[in-house]
PDB file of N, CA and C in Angstrom:
ATOM      1  N   MET A   1     -40.618  -6.450  68.651  1.00  0.00           N
ATOM      2  CA  MET A   1     -38.884  -7.173  68.985  1.00  0.00           C
ATOM      3  C   MET A   1     -38.379  -6.709  70.089  1.00  0.00           C
ATOM      4  N   SER A   2     -37.400  -7.534  70.954  1.00  0.00           N
ATOM      5  CA  SER A   2     -36.964  -7.085  71.593  1.00  0.00           C
ATOM      6  C   SER A   2     -35.582  -5.581  71.604  1.00  0.00           C
ATOM      7  N   SER A   3     -35.758  -5.078  72.428  1.00  0.00           N
ATOM      8  CA  SER A   3     -34.660  -3.575  72.407  1.00  0.00           C
ATOM      9  C   SER A   3     -33.591  -3.998  73.195  1.00  0.00           C
ATOM     10  N   HIS A   4     -33.371  -5.604  73.504  1.00  0.00           N
ATOM     11  CA  HIS A   4     -32.288  -5.498  73.688  1.00  0.00           C
ATOM     12  C   HIS A   4     -30.823  -6.186  72.089  1.00  0.00           C
ATOM     13  N   ALA A   5     -31.655  -6.951  71.948  1.00  0.00           N
ATOM     14  CA  ALA A   5     -31.338  -7.855  70.577  1.00  0.00           C
ATOM     15  C   ALA A   5     -30.336  -7.391  69.294  1.00  0.00           C
ATOM     16  N   LEU A   6     -29.544  -7.753  69.303  1.00  0.00           N
ATOM     17  CA  LEU A   6     -28.511  -7.007  68.400  1.00  0.00           C
ATOM     18  C   LEU A   6     -29.188  -7.109  66.857  1.00  0.00           C
ATOM     19  N   ILE A   7     -28.772  -6.310  65.809  1.00  0.00           N
ATOM     20  CA  ILE A   7     -29.743  -5.988  64.791  1.00  0.00           C
ATOM     21  C   ILE A   7     -27.965  -6.491  64.236  1.00  0.00           C
ATOM     22  N   PHE A   8     -27.874  -6.366  62.633  1.00  0.00           N
ATOM     23  CA  PHE A   8     -26.540  -6.616  61.376  1.00  0.00           C
ATOM     24  C   PHE A   8     -26.953  -6.066  60.322  1.00  0.00           C
ATOM     25  N   LYS A   9     -25.523  -5.369  60.318  1.00  0.00           N
ATOM     26  CA  LYS A   9     -25.463  -5.067  58.681  1.00  0.00           C
ATOM     27  C   LYS A   9     -24.535  -5.342  58.320  1.00  0.00           C
ATOM     28  N   VAL A  10     -24.400  -5.584  56.799  1.00  0.00           N
ATOM     29  CA  VAL A  10     -23.591  -6.112  56.208  1.00  0.00           C
ATOM     30  C   VAL A  10     -22.851  -5.008  55.256  1.00  0.00           C
ATOM     31  N   CYS A  11     -21.907  -4.849  55.108  1.00  0.00           N
ATOM     32  CA  CYS A  11     -21.415  -3.932  54.204  1.00  0.00           C
ATOM     33  C   CYS A  11     -19.254  -4.364  54.118  1.00  0.00           C
ATOM     34  N   PRO A  12     -19.025  -4.196  53.045  1.00  0.00           N
ATOM     35  CA  PRO A  12     -17.838  -4.169  52.452  1.00  0.00           C
ATOM     36  C   PRO A  12     -16.871  -3.886  53.683  1.00  0.00           C
ATOM     37  N   VAL A  13     -15.568  -4.011  53.922  1.00  0.00           N
ATOM     38  CA  VAL A  13     -14.504  -4.427  54.815  1.00  0.00           C
ATOM     39  C   VAL A  13     -14.203  -2.540  54.879  1.00  0.00           C
ATOM     40  N   SER A  14     -13.716  -2.228  53.270  1.00  0.00           N
ATOM     41  CA  SER A  14     -13.290  -1.616  53.249  1.00  0.00           C
ATOM     42  C   SER A  14     -14.261   0.320  53.251  1.00  0.00           C
ATOM     43  N   SER A  15     -15.505  -0.065  53.275  1.00  0.00           N
ATOM     44  CA  SER A  15     -16.871   1.016  53.808  1.00  0.00           C
ATOM     45  C   SER A  15     -16.406   0.580  55.414  1.00  0.00           C
ATOM     46  N   TRP A  16     -16.560  -0.163  55.709  1.00  0.00           N
ATOM     47  CA  TRP A  16     -16.850   0.220  57.259  1.00  0.00           C
ATOM     48  C   TRP A  16     -15.286   0.578  58.042  1.00  0.00           C
ATOM     49  N   GLU A  17     -14.403   0.406  57.513  1.00  0.00           N
ATOM     50  CA  GLU A  17     -13.007   0.875  58.047  1.00  0.00           C
ATOM     51  C   GLU A  17     -12.769   2.476  57.504  1.00  0.00           C
ATOM     52  N   THR A  18     -13.590   2.274  56.878  1.00  0.00           N
ATOM     53  CA  THR A  18     -13.749   4.117  56.413  1.00  0.00           C
ATOM     54  C   THR A  18     -14.338   5.233  57.580  1.00  0.00           C
ATOM     55  N   ALA A  19     -15.455   4.368  57.489  1.00  0.00           N
ATOM     56  CA  ALA A  19     -16.449   4.322  58.838  1.00  0.00           C
ATOM     57  C   ALA A  19     -15.715   5.308  60.575  1.00  0.00           C
ATOM     58  N   GLU A  20     -14.732   4.331  60.422  1.00  0.00           N
ATOM     59  CA  GLU A  20     -14.396   4.261  61.575  1.00  0.00           C
ATOM     60  C   GLU A  20     -13.546   5.648  61.666  1.00  0.00           C
ATOM     61  N   ARG A  21     -13.089   5.896  60.372  1.00  0.00           N
ATOM     62  CA  ARG A  21     -11.751   6.332  61.178  1.00  0.00           C
ATOM     63  C   ARG A  21     -12.658   7.727  61.002  1.00  0.00           C
ATOM     64  N   SER A  22     -13.753   8.225  61.217  1.00  0.00           N
ATOM     65  CA  SER A  22     -15.207   9.277  60.880  1.00  0.00           C
ATOM     66  C   SER A  22     -15.732   8.924  61.980  1.00  0.00           C
ATOM     67  N   GLY A  23     -15.655   8.116  62.215  1.00  0.00           N
ATOM     68  CA  GLY A  23     -16.724   7.988  63.550  1.00  0.00           C
ATOM     69  C   GLY A  23     -18.058   7.814  63.226  1.00  0.00           C
ATOM     70  N   ILE A  24     -18.290   7.327  62.395  1.00  0.00           N
ATOM     71  CA  ILE A  24     -19.820   7.469  61.278  1.00  0.00           C
ATOM     72  C   ILE A  24     -20.382   6.628  60.090  1.00  0.00           C
ATOM     73  N   TYR A  25     -20.817   6.163  60.497  1.00  0.00           N
ATOM     74  CA  TYR A  25     -20.998   5.358  59.238  1.00  0.00           C
ATOM     75  C   TYR A  25     -22.747   5.955  58.367  1.00  0.00           C
ATOM     76  N   THR A  26     -22.647   5.851  57.398  1.00  0.00           N
ATOM     77  CA  THR A  26     -23.779   6.810  56.680  1.00  0.00           C
ATOM     78  C   THR A  26     -24.859   5.715  55.917  1.00  0.00           C
ATOM     79  N   GLY A  27     -24.130   4.086  55.570  1.00  0.00           N
ATOM     80  CA  GLY A  27     -24.506   3.558  54.379  1.00  0.00           C
ATOM     81  C   GLY A  27     -24.617   2.656  53.441  1.00  0.00           C
ATOM     82  N   ALA A  28     -24.518   2.267  52.698  1.00  0.00           N
ATOM     83  CA  ALA A  28     -24.094   1.343  51.476  1.00  0.00           C
ATOM     84  C   ALA A  28     -25.277   2.185  50.848  1.00  0.00           C
ATOM     85  N   PRO A  29     -24.669   2.387  49.383  1.00  0.00           N
ATOM     86  CA  PRO A  29     -25.690   3.112  48.213  1.00  0.00           C
ATOM     87  C   PRO A  29     -27.293   3.195  48.231  1.00  0.00           C
ATOM     88  N   VAL A  30     -27.115   1.688  48.646  1.00  0.00           N
ATOM     89  CA  VAL A  30     -29.100   1.015  48.584  1.00  0.00           C
ATOM     90  C   VAL A  30     -29.830   1.716  49.978  1.00  0.00           C
ATOM     91  N   ASP A  31     -28.754   1.660  50.769  1.00  0.00           N
ATOM     92  CA  ASP A  31     -29.537   2.912  52.154  1.00  0.00           C
ATOM     93  C   ASP A  31     -29.259   4.315  51.890  1.00  0.00           C
ATOM     94  N   LEU A  32     -28.720   5.121  51.181  1.00  0.00           N
ATOM     95  CA  LEU A  32     -28.792   6.541  51.086  1.00  0.00           C
ATOM     96  C   LEU A  32     -29.611   6.313  49.812  1.00  0.00           C
ATOM     97  N   GLN A  33     -30.493   5.490  49.643  1.00  0.00           N
ATOM     98  CA  GLN A  33     -31.057   6.103  48.395  1.00  0.00           C
ATOM     99  C   GLN A  33     -32.869   5.538  48.868  1.00  0.00           C
ATOM    100  N   ASP A  34     -32.773   4.714  49.788  1.00  0.00           N
ATOM    101  CA  ASP A  34     -33.972   4.736  49.957  1.00  0.00           C
ATOM    102  C   ASP A  34     -34.076   5.462  51.317  1.00  0.00           C
ATOM    103  N   GLY A  35     -33.563   6.183  52.244  1.00  0.00           N
ATOM    104  CA  GLY A  35     -33.200   6.941  53.302  1.00  0.00           C
ATOM    105  C   GLY A  35     -33.112   6.486  54.528  1.00  0.00           C
ATOM    106  N   PHE A  36     -32.860   5.235  54.326  1.00  0.00           N
ATOM    107  CA  PHE A  36     -32.706   5.134  55.999  1.00  0.00           C
ATOM    108  C   PHE A  36     -31.377   3.391  55.988  1.00  0.00           C
ATOM    109  N   ILE A  37     -31.038   3.415  57.144  1.00  0.00           N
ATOM    110  CA  ILE A  37     -29.556   2.127  57.108  1.00  0.00           C
ATOM    111  C   ILE A  37     -30.840   0.610  56.933  1.00  0.00           C
ATOM    112  N   HIS A  38     -30.058  -0.042  56.129  1.00  0.00           N
ATOM    113  CA  HIS A  38     -31.058  -1.579  56.154  1.00  0.00           C
ATOM    114  C   HIS A  38     -30.351  -2.463  57.147  1.00  0.00           C
ATOM    115  N   PHE A  39     -31.190  -2.993  58.177  1.00  0.00           N
ATOM    116  CA  PHE A  39     -30.831  -3.527  58.968  1.00  0.00           C
ATOM    117  C   PHE A  39     -31.428  -5.569  59.061  1.00  0.00           C
ATOM    118  N   SER A  40     -30.386  -6.104  59.491  1.00  0.00           N
ATOM    119  CA  SER A  40     -31.279  -7.854  59.846  1.00  0.00           C
ATOM    120  C   SER A  40     -31.401  -8.114  61.045  1.00  0.00           C
ATOM    121  N   THR A  41     -32.373  -8.993  61.309  1.00  0.00           N
ATOM    122  CA  THR A  41     -32.044  -9.825  63.025  1.00  0.00           C
ATOM    123  C   THR A  41     -31.418 -11.178  62.028  1.00  0.00           C
ATOM    124  N   ALA A  42     -31.020 -11.772  63.474  1.00  0.00           N
ATOM    125  CA  ALA A  42     -30.006 -12.863  63.172  1.00  0.00           C
ATOM    126  C   ALA A  42     -31.406 -13.886  62.409  1.00  0.00           C
ATOM    127  N   GLY A  43     -32.190 -14.138  62.490  1.00  0.00           N
ATOM    128  CA  GLY A  43     -33.209 -15.093  61.865  1.00  0.00           C
ATOM    129  C   GLY A  43     -33.299 -14.413  60.048  1.00  0.00           C
ATOM    130  N   GLN A  44     -33.281 -13.212  60.157  1.00  0.00           N
ATOM    131  CA  GLN A  44     -33.221 -12.468  58.437  1.00  0.00           C
ATOM    132  C   GLN A  44     -31.383 -12.540  57.852  1.00  0.00           C
ATOM    133  N   LEU A  45     -30.571 -12.631  58.744  1.00  0.00           N
ATOM    134  CA  LEU A  45     -29.143 -12.583  58.916  1.00  0.00           C
ATOM    135  C   LEU A  45     -29.319 -13.465  56.846  1.00  0.00           C
ATOM    136  N   GLY A  46     -29.160 -14.463  56.585  1.00  0.00           N
ATOM    137  CA  GLY A  46     -28.991 -15.576  56.041  1.00  0.00           C
ATOM    138  C   GLY A  46     -29.909 -14.941  54.386  1.00  0.00           C
ATOM    139  N   GLU A  47     -31.065 -15.113  54.646  1.00  0.00           N
ATOM    140  CA  GLU A  47     -31.282 -14.572  53.060  1.00  0.00           C
ATOM    141  C   GLU A  47     -31.113 -13.013  53.527  1.00  0.00           C
ATOM    142  N   THR A  48     -30.877 -12.329  54.011  1.00  0.00           N
ATOM    143  CA  THR A  48     -30.540 -10.638  53.221  1.00  0.00           C
ATOM    144  C   THR A  48     -29.046 -10.441  52.451  1.00  0.00           C
ATOM    145  N   VAL A  49     -28.108 -11.818  52.980  1.00  0.00           N
ATOM    146  CA  VAL A  49     -26.561 -12.087  52.123  1.00  0.00           C
ATOM    147  C   VAL A  49     -27.266 -12.778  51.588  1.00  0.00           C
ATOM    148  N   ALA A  50     -28.304 -13.596  50.671  1.00  0.00           N
ATOM    149  CA  ALA A  50     -28.500 -14.463  49.260  1.00  0.00           C
ATOM    150  C   ALA A  50     -29.184 -13.420  49.038  1.00  0.00           C
ATOM    151  N   LYS A  51     -29.859 -12.827  49.531  1.00  0.00           N
ATOM    152  CA  LYS A  51     -29.970 -12.284  48.115  1.00  0.00           C
ATOM    153  C   LYS A  51     -29.250 -10.869  47.760  1.00  0.00           C
ATOM    154  N   HIS A  52     -28.877  -9.535  48.211  1.00  0.00           N
ATOM    155  CA  HIS A  52     -28.004  -8.501  48.241  1.00  0.00           C
ATOM    156  C   HIS A  52     -26.578  -8.642  48.216  1.00  0.00           C
ATOM    157  N   PHE A  53     -25.785  -9.887  48.899  1.00  0.00           N
ATOM    158  CA  PHE A  53     -24.431 -10.106  48.587  1.00  0.00           C
ATOM    159  C   PHE A  53     -23.994 -10.959  47.715  1.00  0.00           C
ATOM    160  N   ALA A  54     -24.958 -11.564  46.371  1.00  0.00           N
ATOM    161  CA  ALA A  54     -24.532 -13.044  46.187  1.00  0.00           C
ATOM    162  C   ALA A  54     -22.967 -12.797  45.860  1.00  0.00           C
ATOM    163  N   GLY A  55     -22.087 -13.582  45.933  1.00  0.00           N
ATOM    164  CA  GLY A  55     -20.789 -13.474  45.212  1.00  0.00           C
ATOM    165  C   GLY A  55     -19.840 -12.274  45.941  1.00  0.00           C
ATOM    166  N   GLU A  56     -20.215 -11.645  46.508  1.00  0.00           N
ATOM    167  CA  GLU A  56     -19.620 -10.526  47.207  1.00  0.00           C
ATOM    168  C   GLU A  56     -18.429 -11.236  48.006  1.00  0.00           C
ATOM    169  N   ASP A  57     -17.510 -10.637  48.212  1.00  0.00           N
ATOM    170  CA  ASP A  57     -15.994 -11.105  49.060  1.00  0.00           C
ATOM    171  C   ASP A  57     -16.056  -9.846  49.934  1.00  0.00           C
ATOM    172  N   ASN A  58     -15.063  -9.762  50.576  1.00  0.00           N
ATOM    173  CA  ASN A  58     -13.840  -9.226  51.356  1.00  0.00           C
ATOM    174  C   ASN A  58     -15.296  -8.129  52.363  1.00  0.00           C
ATOM    175  N   LEU A  59     -16.448  -8.485  52.834  1.00  0.00           N
ATOM    176  CA  LEU A  59     -17.559  -8.437  53.443  1.00  0.00           C
ATOM    177  C   LEU A  59     -17.309  -8.455  54.921  1.00  0.00           C
ATOM    178  N   LEU A  60     -17.977  -7.279  56.177  1.00  0.00           N
ATOM    179  CA  LEU A  60     -18.258  -8.022  57.552  1.00  0.00           C
ATOM    180  C   LEU A  60     -19.315  -7.388  58.325  1.00  0.00           C
ATOM    181  N   VAL A  61     -19.996  -8.514  58.578  1.00  0.00           N
ATOM    182  CA  VAL A  61     -21.031  -7.951  59.623  1.00  0.00           C
ATOM    183  C   VAL A  61     -20.941  -7.254  60.947  1.00  0.00           C
ATOM    184  N   VAL A  62     -21.425  -6.619  60.937  1.00  0.00           N
ATOM    185  CA  VAL A  62     -21.436  -5.646  62.151  1.00  0.00           C
ATOM    186  C   VAL A  62     -23.180  -6.086  62.752  1.00  0.00           C
ATOM    187  N   ALA A  63     -22.230  -5.302  63.806  1.00  0.00           N
ATOM    188  CA  ALA A  63     -23.875  -6.395  64.785  1.00  0.00           C
ATOM    189  C   ALA A  63     -23.634  -4.791  65.861  1.00  0.00           C
ATOM    190  N   VAL A  64     -25.291  -4.609  66.081  1.00  0.00           N
ATOM    191  CA  VAL A  64     -25.800  -3.210  66.623  1.00  0.00           C
ATOM    192  C   VAL A  64     -26.622  -3.606  67.660  1.00  0.00           C
ATOM    193  N   PRO A  65     -26.070  -3.157  69.292  1.00  0.00           N
ATOM    194  CA  PRO A  65     -27.522  -3.546  70.615  1.00  0.00           C
ATOM    195  C   PRO A  65     -28.736  -2.281  70.021  1.00  0.00           C
ATOM    196  N   ALA A  66     -29.677  -3.268  69.256  1.00  0.00           N
ATOM    197  CA  ALA A  66     -31.348  -2.096  68.760  1.00  0.00           C
ATOM    198  C   ALA A  66     -32.206  -1.168  69.520  1.00  0.00           C
ATOM    199  N   GLU A  67     -31.193  -1.108  71.033  1.00  0.00           N
ATOM    200  CA  GLU A  67     -31.264  -0.400  72.337  1.00  0.00           C
ATOM    201  C   GLU A  67     -30.663   1.765  71.871  1.00  0.00           C
ATOM    202  N   VAL A  68     -29.698   1.261  71.792  1.00  0.00           N
ATOM    203  CA  VAL A  68     -28.743   2.547  71.410  1.00  0.00           C
ATOM    204  C   VAL A  68     -29.178   3.212  70.251  1.00  0.00           C
ATOM    205  N   LEU A  69     -30.068   2.858  69.562  1.00  0.00           N
ATOM    206  CA  LEU A  69     -30.450   3.265  68.286  1.00  0.00           C
ATOM    207  C   LEU A  69     -31.068   3.947  68.870  1.00  0.00           C
ATOM    208  N   GLY A  70     -32.483   4.418  69.461  1.00  0.00           N
ATOM    209  CA  GLY A  70     -33.499   4.675  69.850  1.00  0.00           C
ATOM    210  C   GLY A  70     -34.246   5.162  69.173  1.00  0.00           C
ATOM    211  N   GLU A  71     -35.174   5.939  69.222  1.00  0.00           N
ATOM    212  CA  GLU A  71     -36.329   6.147  68.688  1.00  0.00           C
ATOM    213  C   GLU A  71     -36.161   6.245  66.884  1.00  0.00           C
ATOM    214  N   ALA A  72     -34.968   6.925  66.385  1.00  0.00           N
ATOM    215  CA  ALA A  72     -34.489   6.255  64.893  1.00  0.00           C
ATOM    216  C   ALA A  72     -34.391   5.195  64.035  1.00  0.00           C
ATOM    217  N   LEU A  73     -34.720   4.302  65.390  1.00  0.00           N
ATOM    218  CA  LEU A  73     -34.776   2.809  64.719  1.00  0.00           C
ATOM    219  C   LEU A  73     -36.177   2.694  64.385  1.00  0.00           C
ATOM    220  N   LYS A  74     -36.689   2.106  63.262  1.00  0.00           N
ATOM    221  CA  LYS A  74     -37.923   1.566  62.682  1.00  0.00           C
ATOM    222  C   LYS A  74     -37.879   0.282  62.606  1.00  0.00           C
ATOM    223  N   TRP A  75     -38.960  -0.561  63.130  1.00  0.00           N
ATOM    224  CA  TRP A  75     -39.542  -1.673  62.367  1.00  0.00           C
ATOM    225  C   TRP A  75     -41.057  -1.853  61.425  1.00  0.00           C
ATOM    226  N   GLU A  76     -40.324  -1.698  60.298  1.00  0.00           N
ATOM    227  CA  GLU A  76     -41.115  -1.658  59.295  1.00  0.00           C
ATOM    228  C   GLU A  76     -41.183  -2.701  58.280  1.00  0.00           C
ATOM    229  N   PRO A  77     -42.468  -3.382  58.153  1.00  0.00           N
ATOM    230  CA  PRO A  77     -42.510  -4.411  56.796  1.00  0.00           C
ATOM    231  C   PRO A  77     -42.321  -4.156  55.895  1.00  0.00           C
ATOM    232  N   SER A  78     -41.390  -6.101  55.708  1.00  0.00           N
ATOM    233  CA  SER A  78     -40.421  -6.098  54.606  1.00  0.00           C
ATOM    234  C   SER A  78     -40.730  -7.206  53.407  1.00  0.00           C
ATOM    235  N   ARG A  79     -39.458  -7.785  52.983  1.00  0.00           N
ATOM    236  CA  ARG A  79     -39.600  -9.466  52.864  1.00  0.00           C
ATOM    237  C   ARG A  79     -41.257 -10.376  53.292  1.00  0.00           C
ATOM    238  N   GLY A  80     -41.941 -10.443  53.063  1.00  0.00           N
ATOM    239  CA  GLY A  80     -43.008 -11.721  52.765  1.00  0.00           C
ATOM    240  C   GLY A  80     -43.889 -10.859  54.815  1.00  0.00           C
ATOM    241  N   GLY A  81     -43.470  -9.700  54.473  1.00  0.00           N
ATOM    242  CA  GLY A  81     -44.146  -8.993  55.236  1.00  0.00           C
ATOM    243  C   GLY A  81     -43.897  -8.922  56.829  1.00  0.00           C
ATOM    244  N   ASP A  82     -42.444  -9.515  56.937  1.00  0.00           N
ATOM    245  CA  ASP A  82     -41.244  -9.778  58.111  1.00  0.00           C
ATOM    246  C   ASP A  82     -41.266  -8.106  58.521  1.00  0.00           C
ATOM    247  N   LEU A  83     -40.930  -8.289  59.873  1.00  0.00           N
ATOM    248  CA  LEU A  83     -40.565  -6.506  60.604  1.00  0.00           C
ATOM    249  C   LEU A  83     -39.591  -6.783  60.285  1.00  0.00           C
ATOM    250  N   PHE A  84     -38.146  -5.429  59.906  1.00  0.00           N
ATOM    251  CA  PHE A  84     -37.037  -5.724  59.131  1.00  0.00           C
ATOM    252  C   PHE A  84     -36.927  -4.109  59.835  1.00  0.00           C
ATOM    253  N   PRO A  85     -35.671  -4.098  60.726  1.00  0.00           N
ATOM    254  CA  PRO A  85     -34.942  -3.147  61.573  1.00  0.00           C
ATOM    255  C   PRO A  85     -33.986  -1.942  60.665  1.00  0.00           C
ATOM    256  N   HIS A  86     -35.272  -0.809  60.092  1.00  0.00           N
ATOM    257  CA  HIS A  86     -34.669   0.700  59.660  1.00  0.00           C
ATOM    258  C   HIS A  86     -33.924   1.199  59.863  1.00  0.00           C
ATOM    259  N   LEU A  87     -32.421   1.747  60.389  1.00  0.00           N
ATOM    260  CA  LEU A  87     -32.330   3.229  60.615  1.00  0.00           C
ATOM    261  C   LEU A  87     -32.245   4.748  60.490  1.00  0.00           C
ATOM    262  N   TYR A  88     -32.897   5.058  59.930  1.00  0.00           N
ATOM    263  CA  TYR A  88     -33.208   6.612  60.283  1.00  0.00           C
ATOM    264  C   TYR A  88     -32.435   7.898  60.429  1.00  0.00           C
ATOM    265  N   GLY A  89     -30.712   7.691  60.062  1.00  0.00           N
ATOM    266  CA  GLY A  89     -29.659   8.344  60.012  1.00  0.00           C
ATOM    267  C   GLY A  89     -28.537   7.797  60.125  1.00  0.00           C
ATOM    268  N   SER A  90     -27.655   8.117  60.506  1.00  0.00           N
ATOM    269  CA  SER A  90     -26.369   8.006  60.327  1.00  0.00           C
ATOM    270  C   SER A  90     -26.023   6.797  62.405  1.00  0.00           C
ATOM    271  N   LEU A  91     -24.947   5.590  61.386  1.00  0.00           N
ATOM    272  CA  LEU A  91     -24.299   5.006  62.430  1.00  0.00           C
ATOM    273  C   LEU A  91     -23.865   5.279  63.525  1.00  0.00           C
ATOM    274  N   GLN A  92     -23.468   5.552  64.670  1.00  0.00           N
ATOM    275  CA  GLN A  92     -22.138   6.501  65.085  1.00  0.00           C
ATOM    276  C   GLN A  92     -21.344   4.792  65.473  1.00  0.00           C
ATOM    277  N   THR A  93     -20.197   4.556  64.677  1.00  0.00           N
ATOM    278  CA  THR A  93     -19.143   3.176  65.328  1.00  0.00           C
ATOM    279  C   THR A  93     -18.770   2.896  65.757  1.00  0.00           C
ATOM    280  N   GLU A  94     -19.051   4.009  67.601  1.00  0.00           N
ATOM    281  CA  GLU A  94     -19.034   3.066  68.195  1.00  0.00           C
ATOM    282  C   GLU A  94     -19.850   2.809  69.440  1.00  0.00           C
ATOM    283  N   HIS A  95     -21.294   2.408  68.663  1.00  0.00           N
ATOM    284  CA  HIS A  95     -22.088   1.522  69.309  1.00  0.00           C
ATOM    285  C   HIS A  95     -22.388   0.826  68.304  1.00  0.00           C
ATOM    286  N   ALA A  96     -21.634  -0.041  67.369  1.00  0.00           N
ATOM    287  CA  ALA A  96     -21.009  -1.847  67.069  1.00  0.00           C
ATOM    288  C   ALA A  96     -20.807  -2.223  68.077  1.00  0.00           C
ATOM    289  N   ALA A  97     -21.438  -3.213  68.599  1.00  0.00           N
ATOM    290  CA  ALA A  97     -20.673  -4.342  69.753  1.00  0.00           C
ATOM    291  C   ALA A  97     -19.911  -5.089  68.866  1.00  0.00           C
ATOM    292  N   TRP A  98     -19.881  -5.231  67.924  1.00  0.00           N
ATOM    293  CA  TRP A  98     -18.601  -6.114  68.012  1.00  0.00           C
ATOM    294  C   TRP A  98     -18.971  -6.521  65.767  1.00  0.00           C
ATOM    295  N   THR A  99     -17.891  -6.531  65.283  1.00  0.00           N
ATOM    296  CA  THR A  99     -18.053  -6.465  63.548  1.00  0.00           C
ATOM    297  C   THR A  99     -17.079  -8.341  63.657  1.00  0.00           C
ATOM    298  N   LYS A 100     -17.330  -8.879  62.579  1.00  0.00           N
ATOM    299  CA  LYS A 100     -16.661 -10.074  62.559  1.00  0.00           C
ATOM    300  C   LYS A 100     -16.905 -10.345  60.604  1.00  0.00           C
ATOM    301  N   PRO A 101     -15.992 -11.243  60.524  1.00  0.00           N
ATOM    302  CA  PRO A 101     -15.575 -11.657  59.023  1.00  0.00           C
ATOM    303  C   PRO A 101     -17.294 -11.757  58.591  1.00  0.00           C
ATOM    304  N   LEU A 102     -17.356 -11.812  57.083  1.00  0.00           N
ATOM    305  CA  LEU A 102     -18.316 -13.149  56.501  1.00  0.00           C
ATOM    306  C   LEU A 102     -16.887 -13.931  55.499  1.00  0.00           C
ATOM    307  N   PRO A 103     -16.915 -14.830  55.699  1.00  0.00           N
ATOM    308  CA  PRO A 103     -16.241 -15.039  54.921  1.00  0.00           C
ATOM    309  C   PRO A 103     -17.009 -15.916  53.702  1.00  0.00           C
ATOM    310  N   PHE A 104     -16.095 -16.146  52.689  1.00  0.00           N
ATOM    311  CA  PHE A 104     -16.916 -16.614  51.121  1.00  0.00           C
ATOM    312  C   PHE A 104     -16.296 -17.417  50.080  1.00  0.00           C
ATOM    313  N   VAL A 105     -17.251 -18.881  50.981  1.00  0.00           N
ATOM    314  CA  VAL A 105     -16.019 -19.968  50.604  1.00  0.00           C
ATOM    315  C   VAL A 105     -16.480 -21.057  50.310  1.00  0.00           C
ATOM    316  N   ASP A 106     -15.829 -21.153  48.438  1.00  0.00           N
ATOM    317  CA  ASP A 106     -17.156 -22.483  48.529  1.00  0.00           C
ATOM    318  C   ASP A 106     -17.887 -21.726  46.978  1.00  0.00           C
ATOM    319  N   GLY A 107     -17.755 -20.575  46.940  1.00  0.00           N
ATOM    320  CA  GLY A 107     -19.325 -19.633  46.870  1.00  0.00           C
ATOM    321  C   GLY A 107     -20.158 -19.838  46.899  1.00  0.00           C
ATOM    322  N   ARG A 108     -20.322 -19.755  48.873  1.00  0.00           N
ATOM    323  CA  ARG A 108     -21.341 -19.171  49.514  1.00  0.00           C
ATOM    324  C   ARG A 108     -20.730 -18.376  50.938  1.00  0.00           C
ATOM    325  N   HIS A 109     -21.465 -17.625  50.891  1.00  0.00           N
ATOM    326  CA  HIS A 109     -21.435 -17.065  52.423  1.00  0.00           C
ATOM    327  C   HIS A 109     -21.337 -17.964  53.715  1.00  0.00           C
ATOM    328  N   VAL A 110     -20.918 -17.769  54.665  1.00  0.00           N
ATOM    329  CA  VAL A 110     -20.985 -18.112  55.682  1.00  0.00           C
ATOM    330  C   VAL A 110     -20.651 -17.239  56.981  1.00  0.00           C
ATOM    331  N   LEU A 111     -21.790 -17.821  57.718  1.00  0.00           N
ATOM    332  CA  LEU A 111     -22.481 -16.502  59.207  1.00  0.00           C
ATOM    333  C   LEU A 111     -21.654 -16.598  59.840  1.00  0.00           C
ATOM    334  N   PRO A 112     -20.955 -15.929  60.102  1.00  0.00           N
ATOM    335  CA  PRO A 112     -20.352 -16.479  62.302  1.00  0.00           C
ATOM    336  C   PRO A 112     -20.979 -16.230  62.746  1.00  0.00           C
ATOM    337  N   ASP A 113     -20.939 -16.135  63.490  1.00  0.00           N
ATOM    338  CA  ASP A 113     -21.225 -16.858  64.879  1.00  0.00           C
ATOM    339  C   ASP A 113     -21.925 -15.474  65.437  1.00  0.00           C
ATOM    340  N   LEU A 114     -23.405 -15.177  65.559  1.00  0.00           N
ATOM    341  CA  LEU A 114     -23.967 -14.151  65.628  1.00  0.00           C
ATOM    342  C   LEU A 114     -24.075 -13.713  67.320  1.00  0.00           C
ATOM    343  N   GLU A 115     -23.599 -14.480  68.481  1.00  0.00           N
ATOM    344  CA  GLU A 115     -24.083 -14.401  69.406  1.00  0.00           C
ATOM    345  C   GLU A 115     -23.249 -13.615  70.406  1.00  0.00           C
ATOM    346  N   GLY A 116     -21.805 -13.189  69.940  1.00  0.00           N
ATOM    347  CA  GLY A 116     -20.905 -12.581  70.978  1.00  0.00           C
ATOM    348  C   GLY A 116     -19.626 -12.086  69.882  1.00  0.00           C
ATOM    349  N   ALA A 117     -18.681 -10.742  70.615  1.00  0.00           N
ATOM    350  CA  ALA A 117     -17.712 -10.804  69.688  1.00  0.00           C
ATOM    351  C   ALA A 117     -16.255 -12.086  69.726  1.00  0.00           C
TER     352      ALA A 117
END
């Protein structure tokens, strides 16, 4: 995996706003349960959203350069053997390259442009 690649976290807008106030995002309930923050690559994001966020509104996509996470970022097999980025630790919100809304339109999510801000 390219260390210069962006990886992505989907979370409720309210959760990210709370994290920005403290400067630290500790993850969603599933992240806390699993012991790491789940991220997706650009190619994995659509399936992640469909599988784990179906029908949810007021979501945000957070992009983080993989290289800033250091050794706490592990690439581990998940769905179908794909390697998924997992962050063992909390995320400093200052490491986010950008955040974009994840619109829910006509019963489906519309992924934003994942290239830049």
